[in-house]
N, C-alpha and C. Protein backbone atom coordinates (compact mmCIF):
# COMPACT_ATOMS: atom_id res chain seq x y z
N UNK A 1 -91.97 -98.65 6.75
CA UNK A 1 -90.89 -99.59 6.57
C UNK A 1 -91.39 -100.98 6.95
N UNK A 2 -91.92 -101.74 6.06
CA UNK A 2 -92.37 -103.09 6.39
C UNK A 2 -91.18 -104.03 6.55
N UNK A 3 -91.37 -105.09 7.30
CA UNK A 3 -90.34 -106.11 7.45
C UNK A 3 -90.14 -106.77 6.09
N UNK A 4 -88.89 -106.91 5.68
CA UNK A 4 -88.60 -107.48 4.37
C UNK A 4 -88.65 -109.01 4.40
N UNK A 5 -88.84 -109.61 3.23
CA UNK A 5 -88.96 -111.06 3.13
C UNK A 5 -87.69 -111.77 3.58
N UNK A 6 -86.54 -111.15 3.38
CA UNK A 6 -85.26 -111.78 3.74
C UNK A 6 -84.79 -111.41 5.14
N UNK A 7 -85.64 -110.76 5.91
CA UNK A 7 -85.25 -110.29 7.24
C UNK A 7 -84.93 -111.46 8.17
N UNK A 8 -83.93 -111.24 8.98
CA UNK A 8 -83.58 -112.18 10.04
C UNK A 8 -84.15 -111.64 11.35
N UNK A 9 -84.74 -112.51 12.15
CA UNK A 9 -85.21 -112.12 13.47
C UNK A 9 -84.17 -112.56 14.49
N UNK A 10 -83.70 -111.61 15.29
CA UNK A 10 -82.68 -111.87 16.29
C UNK A 10 -83.32 -111.72 17.66
N UNK A 11 -83.41 -112.80 18.42
CA UNK A 11 -83.98 -112.76 19.76
C UNK A 11 -82.92 -112.29 20.76
N UNK A 12 -83.29 -111.36 21.64
CA UNK A 12 -82.38 -110.85 22.65
C UNK A 12 -83.05 -110.86 24.01
N UNK A 13 -82.28 -111.24 25.03
CA UNK A 13 -82.81 -111.36 26.38
C UNK A 13 -82.06 -110.50 27.39
N UNK A 14 -80.95 -109.84 26.97
CA UNK A 14 -80.18 -109.01 27.88
C UNK A 14 -79.38 -107.98 27.09
N UNK A 15 -78.72 -107.07 27.79
CA UNK A 15 -78.03 -105.97 27.12
C UNK A 15 -76.85 -106.43 26.27
N UNK A 16 -76.16 -107.49 26.69
CA UNK A 16 -75.03 -108.00 25.89
C UNK A 16 -75.53 -108.57 24.56
N UNK A 17 -76.64 -109.29 24.59
CA UNK A 17 -77.21 -109.82 23.35
C UNK A 17 -77.73 -108.69 22.47
N UNK A 18 -78.28 -107.64 23.08
CA UNK A 18 -78.74 -106.49 22.30
C UNK A 18 -77.56 -105.81 21.61
N UNK A 19 -76.47 -105.60 22.31
CA UNK A 19 -75.28 -104.98 21.72
C UNK A 19 -74.77 -105.80 20.55
N UNK A 20 -74.76 -107.10 20.69
CA UNK A 20 -74.32 -107.99 19.62
C UNK A 20 -75.27 -107.92 18.43
N UNK A 21 -76.57 -107.90 18.70
CA UNK A 21 -77.56 -107.82 17.62
C UNK A 21 -77.46 -106.50 16.87
N UNK A 22 -77.24 -105.41 17.60
CA UNK A 22 -77.09 -104.11 16.95
C UNK A 22 -75.87 -104.10 16.03
N UNK A 23 -74.79 -104.73 16.46
CA UNK A 23 -73.56 -104.75 15.66
C UNK A 23 -73.66 -105.67 14.45
N UNK A 24 -74.37 -106.79 14.59
CA UNK A 24 -74.36 -107.81 13.53
C UNK A 24 -75.57 -107.75 12.60
N UNK A 25 -76.59 -106.98 12.95
CA UNK A 25 -77.81 -106.96 12.15
C UNK A 25 -77.59 -106.27 10.81
N UNK A 26 -78.40 -106.71 9.84
CA UNK A 26 -78.39 -106.11 8.51
C UNK A 26 -79.67 -105.29 8.34
N UNK A 27 -79.66 -104.42 7.37
CA UNK A 27 -80.84 -103.61 7.10
C UNK A 27 -82.05 -104.50 6.84
N UNK A 28 -83.15 -104.20 7.50
CA UNK A 28 -84.38 -104.97 7.36
C UNK A 28 -84.58 -106.00 8.45
N UNK A 29 -83.55 -106.27 9.27
CA UNK A 29 -83.68 -107.27 10.32
C UNK A 29 -84.60 -106.81 11.45
N UNK A 30 -85.05 -107.78 12.24
CA UNK A 30 -85.92 -107.55 13.38
C UNK A 30 -85.19 -107.97 14.64
N UNK A 31 -85.11 -107.07 15.61
CA UNK A 31 -84.57 -107.41 16.93
C UNK A 31 -85.77 -107.59 17.85
N UNK A 32 -85.97 -108.84 18.33
CA UNK A 32 -87.15 -109.19 19.12
C UNK A 32 -86.75 -109.45 20.57
N UNK A 33 -87.38 -108.74 21.49
CA UNK A 33 -87.10 -108.93 22.90
C UNK A 33 -87.76 -110.21 23.41
N UNK A 34 -87.03 -110.92 24.29
CA UNK A 34 -87.59 -112.08 24.96
C UNK A 34 -87.59 -111.88 26.48
N UNK A 35 -87.22 -110.67 26.90
CA UNK A 35 -87.21 -110.29 28.31
C UNK A 35 -87.13 -108.77 28.37
N UNK A 36 -87.42 -108.20 29.54
CA UNK A 36 -87.21 -106.77 29.73
C UNK A 36 -85.71 -106.51 29.73
N UNK A 37 -85.28 -105.43 29.05
CA UNK A 37 -83.84 -105.14 28.92
C UNK A 37 -83.58 -103.69 29.29
N UNK A 38 -82.55 -103.47 30.10
CA UNK A 38 -82.01 -102.14 30.35
C UNK A 38 -80.64 -102.09 29.71
N UNK A 39 -80.45 -101.13 28.80
CA UNK A 39 -79.21 -100.97 28.04
C UNK A 39 -78.56 -99.67 28.48
N UNK A 40 -77.38 -99.75 29.06
CA UNK A 40 -76.67 -98.56 29.52
C UNK A 40 -75.75 -98.07 28.42
N UNK A 41 -76.22 -97.09 27.68
CA UNK A 41 -75.48 -96.53 26.55
C UNK A 41 -76.46 -96.08 25.49
N UNK A 42 -75.92 -95.60 24.38
CA UNK A 42 -76.74 -95.15 23.27
C UNK A 42 -77.03 -96.31 22.33
N UNK A 43 -78.28 -96.50 21.97
CA UNK A 43 -78.62 -97.43 20.90
C UNK A 43 -78.43 -96.64 19.61
N UNK A 44 -77.42 -97.03 18.84
CA UNK A 44 -77.06 -96.30 17.63
C UNK A 44 -77.40 -97.13 16.40
N UNK A 45 -78.22 -96.56 15.52
CA UNK A 45 -78.60 -97.22 14.27
C UNK A 45 -78.00 -96.37 13.15
N UNK A 46 -77.10 -96.96 12.38
CA UNK A 46 -76.34 -96.20 11.38
C UNK A 46 -76.48 -96.83 10.00
N UNK A 47 -77.22 -96.16 9.11
CA UNK A 47 -77.29 -96.57 7.72
C UNK A 47 -78.07 -97.85 7.43
N UNK A 48 -78.92 -98.28 8.35
CA UNK A 48 -79.73 -99.47 8.10
C UNK A 48 -81.10 -99.29 8.72
N UNK A 49 -82.05 -100.07 8.24
CA UNK A 49 -83.41 -100.06 8.75
C UNK A 49 -83.58 -101.23 9.70
N UNK A 50 -84.01 -100.96 10.93
CA UNK A 50 -84.22 -102.02 11.92
C UNK A 50 -85.61 -101.91 12.52
N UNK A 51 -86.17 -103.06 12.83
CA UNK A 51 -87.43 -103.13 13.56
C UNK A 51 -87.14 -103.67 14.94
N UNK A 52 -87.66 -103.01 15.96
CA UNK A 52 -87.61 -103.53 17.32
C UNK A 52 -88.98 -104.08 17.63
N UNK A 53 -89.07 -105.38 17.85
CA UNK A 53 -90.31 -106.03 18.25
C UNK A 53 -90.26 -106.21 19.76
N UNK A 54 -91.05 -105.44 20.47
CA UNK A 54 -91.02 -105.52 21.93
C UNK A 54 -91.58 -106.84 22.43
N UNK A 55 -92.50 -107.44 21.68
CA UNK A 55 -92.94 -108.79 21.99
C UNK A 55 -93.48 -108.91 23.41
N UNK A 56 -94.09 -107.82 23.93
CA UNK A 56 -94.65 -107.85 25.28
C UNK A 56 -93.68 -107.45 26.37
N UNK A 57 -92.45 -107.04 26.01
CA UNK A 57 -91.43 -106.66 26.99
C UNK A 57 -91.04 -105.20 26.80
N UNK A 58 -90.24 -104.67 27.72
CA UNK A 58 -89.81 -103.28 27.65
C UNK A 58 -88.31 -103.17 27.42
N UNK A 59 -87.93 -102.17 26.65
CA UNK A 59 -86.53 -101.86 26.38
C UNK A 59 -86.27 -100.44 26.89
N UNK A 60 -85.27 -100.31 27.75
CA UNK A 60 -84.89 -99.02 28.29
C UNK A 60 -83.43 -98.76 27.97
N UNK A 61 -83.15 -97.63 27.30
CA UNK A 61 -81.78 -97.23 26.99
C UNK A 61 -81.46 -95.96 27.78
N UNK A 62 -80.38 -96.01 28.55
CA UNK A 62 -79.93 -94.88 29.35
C UNK A 62 -78.52 -94.52 28.93
N UNK A 63 -78.32 -93.31 28.42
CA UNK A 63 -76.98 -92.88 28.02
C UNK A 63 -76.49 -91.79 28.95
N UNK A 64 -75.33 -92.00 29.54
CA UNK A 64 -74.73 -90.99 30.41
C UNK A 64 -73.82 -90.05 29.63
N UNK A 65 -73.70 -90.27 28.30
CA UNK A 65 -72.79 -89.43 27.52
C UNK A 65 -73.41 -88.85 26.25
N UNK A 66 -74.65 -89.20 25.92
CA UNK A 66 -75.24 -88.70 24.68
C UNK A 66 -76.74 -88.86 24.69
N UNK A 67 -77.27 -89.36 23.57
CA UNK A 67 -78.70 -89.59 23.39
C UNK A 67 -79.02 -91.05 23.69
N UNK A 68 -80.26 -91.33 24.07
CA UNK A 68 -80.67 -92.71 24.31
C UNK A 68 -80.75 -93.51 23.02
N UNK A 69 -81.21 -92.85 21.93
CA UNK A 69 -81.32 -93.48 20.61
C UNK A 69 -80.79 -92.49 19.58
N UNK A 70 -79.82 -92.90 18.79
CA UNK A 70 -79.26 -92.08 17.72
C UNK A 70 -79.46 -92.80 16.39
N UNK A 71 -80.09 -92.11 15.44
CA UNK A 71 -80.42 -92.68 14.13
C UNK A 71 -79.68 -91.86 13.08
N UNK A 72 -78.75 -92.52 12.33
CA UNK A 72 -77.87 -91.79 11.41
C UNK A 72 -77.92 -92.34 9.99
N UNK A 73 -77.51 -91.48 9.05
CA UNK A 73 -77.25 -91.86 7.66
C UNK A 73 -78.40 -92.61 7.00
N UNK A 74 -79.54 -91.96 6.95
CA UNK A 74 -80.72 -92.50 6.29
C UNK A 74 -81.26 -93.78 6.91
N UNK A 75 -80.92 -94.04 8.14
CA UNK A 75 -81.44 -95.21 8.86
C UNK A 75 -82.89 -94.96 9.25
N UNK A 76 -83.62 -96.05 9.45
CA UNK A 76 -85.01 -95.97 9.90
C UNK A 76 -85.21 -96.98 11.02
N UNK A 77 -86.02 -96.60 11.98
CA UNK A 77 -86.34 -97.46 13.12
C UNK A 77 -87.86 -97.63 13.17
N UNK A 78 -88.30 -98.88 13.26
CA UNK A 78 -89.71 -99.20 13.40
C UNK A 78 -89.89 -99.94 14.72
N UNK A 79 -90.94 -99.62 15.42
CA UNK A 79 -91.24 -100.24 16.70
C UNK A 79 -92.56 -100.97 16.59
N UNK A 80 -92.58 -102.25 16.97
CA UNK A 80 -93.81 -103.04 16.98
C UNK A 80 -93.99 -103.68 18.35
N UNK A 81 -95.21 -104.07 18.63
CA UNK A 81 -95.49 -104.82 19.85
C UNK A 81 -95.48 -103.99 21.11
N UNK A 82 -95.66 -102.67 20.98
CA UNK A 82 -95.67 -101.85 22.18
C UNK A 82 -97.09 -101.76 22.73
N UNK A 83 -97.17 -101.47 24.02
CA UNK A 83 -98.45 -101.34 24.71
C UNK A 83 -98.20 -100.56 25.99
N UNK A 84 -99.20 -100.48 26.84
CA UNK A 84 -99.01 -99.76 28.10
C UNK A 84 -98.00 -100.47 29.01
N UNK A 85 -97.78 -101.75 28.78
CA UNK A 85 -96.81 -102.49 29.60
C UNK A 85 -95.55 -102.85 28.84
N UNK A 86 -95.55 -102.76 27.53
CA UNK A 86 -94.37 -103.04 26.70
C UNK A 86 -93.95 -101.72 26.05
N UNK A 87 -92.87 -101.13 26.57
CA UNK A 87 -92.48 -99.78 26.14
C UNK A 87 -91.02 -99.73 25.71
N UNK A 88 -90.69 -98.71 24.94
CA UNK A 88 -89.32 -98.43 24.52
C UNK A 88 -88.99 -97.07 25.12
N UNK A 89 -88.16 -97.07 26.15
CA UNK A 89 -87.85 -95.85 26.90
C UNK A 89 -86.41 -95.45 26.62
N UNK A 90 -86.19 -94.21 26.20
CA UNK A 90 -84.84 -93.74 25.91
C UNK A 90 -84.59 -92.43 26.64
N UNK A 91 -83.47 -92.37 27.35
CA UNK A 91 -83.06 -91.15 28.02
C UNK A 91 -81.56 -90.98 27.83
N UNK A 92 -81.13 -89.74 27.86
CA UNK A 92 -79.71 -89.43 27.75
C UNK A 92 -79.45 -88.03 28.26
N UNK A 93 -78.18 -87.74 28.55
CA UNK A 93 -77.86 -86.41 29.06
C UNK A 93 -78.09 -85.33 28.01
N UNK A 94 -78.05 -85.69 26.72
CA UNK A 94 -78.31 -84.73 25.66
C UNK A 94 -79.75 -84.77 25.18
N UNK A 95 -80.48 -85.83 25.50
CA UNK A 95 -81.87 -85.98 25.09
C UNK A 95 -82.19 -87.44 24.84
N UNK A 96 -83.46 -87.70 24.52
CA UNK A 96 -83.90 -89.08 24.29
C UNK A 96 -83.54 -89.61 22.92
N UNK A 97 -83.92 -88.88 21.87
CA UNK A 97 -83.72 -89.35 20.49
C UNK A 97 -83.07 -88.26 19.66
N UNK A 98 -82.13 -88.65 18.82
CA UNK A 98 -81.53 -87.73 17.86
C UNK A 98 -81.50 -88.40 16.50
N UNK A 99 -82.10 -87.77 15.50
CA UNK A 99 -82.04 -88.27 14.12
C UNK A 99 -81.06 -87.38 13.36
N UNK A 100 -79.99 -87.97 12.85
CA UNK A 100 -78.95 -87.26 12.11
C UNK A 100 -79.10 -87.52 10.62
N UNK A 101 -78.63 -86.66 9.78
CA UNK A 101 -78.42 -86.84 8.34
C UNK A 101 -79.41 -87.80 7.70
N UNK A 102 -80.65 -87.43 7.66
CA UNK A 102 -81.65 -88.24 6.98
C UNK A 102 -82.19 -89.40 7.79
N UNK A 103 -81.75 -89.57 9.02
CA UNK A 103 -82.29 -90.63 9.87
C UNK A 103 -83.76 -90.38 10.15
N UNK A 104 -84.55 -91.43 10.27
CA UNK A 104 -85.98 -91.28 10.50
C UNK A 104 -86.42 -92.14 11.68
N UNK A 105 -87.15 -91.50 12.56
CA UNK A 105 -87.71 -92.20 13.70
C UNK A 105 -89.03 -91.53 14.03
N UNK A 106 -90.12 -92.25 13.95
CA UNK A 106 -91.42 -91.70 14.28
C UNK A 106 -91.72 -92.02 15.73
N UNK A 107 -92.08 -90.99 16.45
CA UNK A 107 -92.33 -91.13 17.89
C UNK A 107 -93.80 -90.82 18.16
N UNK A 108 -94.45 -91.69 18.91
CA UNK A 108 -95.82 -91.42 19.35
C UNK A 108 -95.90 -91.71 20.83
N UNK A 109 -96.79 -91.01 21.50
CA UNK A 109 -97.05 -91.24 22.92
C UNK A 109 -95.79 -91.03 23.75
N UNK A 110 -95.03 -89.98 23.44
CA UNK A 110 -93.78 -89.71 24.14
C UNK A 110 -94.01 -88.80 25.34
N UNK A 111 -93.22 -89.03 26.39
CA UNK A 111 -93.23 -88.15 27.56
C UNK A 111 -91.79 -87.85 27.92
N UNK A 112 -91.57 -86.77 28.59
CA UNK A 112 -90.23 -86.42 29.03
C UNK A 112 -90.25 -85.13 29.81
N UNK A 113 -89.11 -84.81 30.43
CA UNK A 113 -89.05 -83.59 31.23
C UNK A 113 -89.04 -82.35 30.34
N UNK A 114 -89.60 -81.28 30.82
CA UNK A 114 -89.58 -80.01 30.09
C UNK A 114 -88.17 -79.44 30.16
N UNK A 115 -87.75 -78.78 29.09
CA UNK A 115 -86.44 -78.11 29.07
C UNK A 115 -86.62 -76.66 28.88
C-alpha cells in the first residue's frame, strides 16, 4: 500500500490529536507522530487505508476492553519509520491486533505473552 499522491499528512503529538486524526482521516492519509504517544483505547481502522509514520517516535495503544488495534472492512495499515527506538506497541485484554472482514495488517518483529 504505497502512499497516494493525494494523501494528507496529519501530524499528531498526543492522544487527543491521534483520536481526531483517526476520525477525520481519509483513505490513503498518513498519520505522522511528532512525539511519543500513549493511547488508552483501541485504535480502530474501518474501511480505509492508513499509514502510521512513527517518524522516530513510539505509539502505544492500550485497550482495557478489546484489542489494541482493530482493522475492519478491507482496511489496510502500513507502518513506516520504525526502529529499535521507534515502535508501535499494541495491547488489549482480548489481544494486540484483530483483523476483521478482509482487514489487512502485516506484523513483523512482534513479541507478546504466551497464551
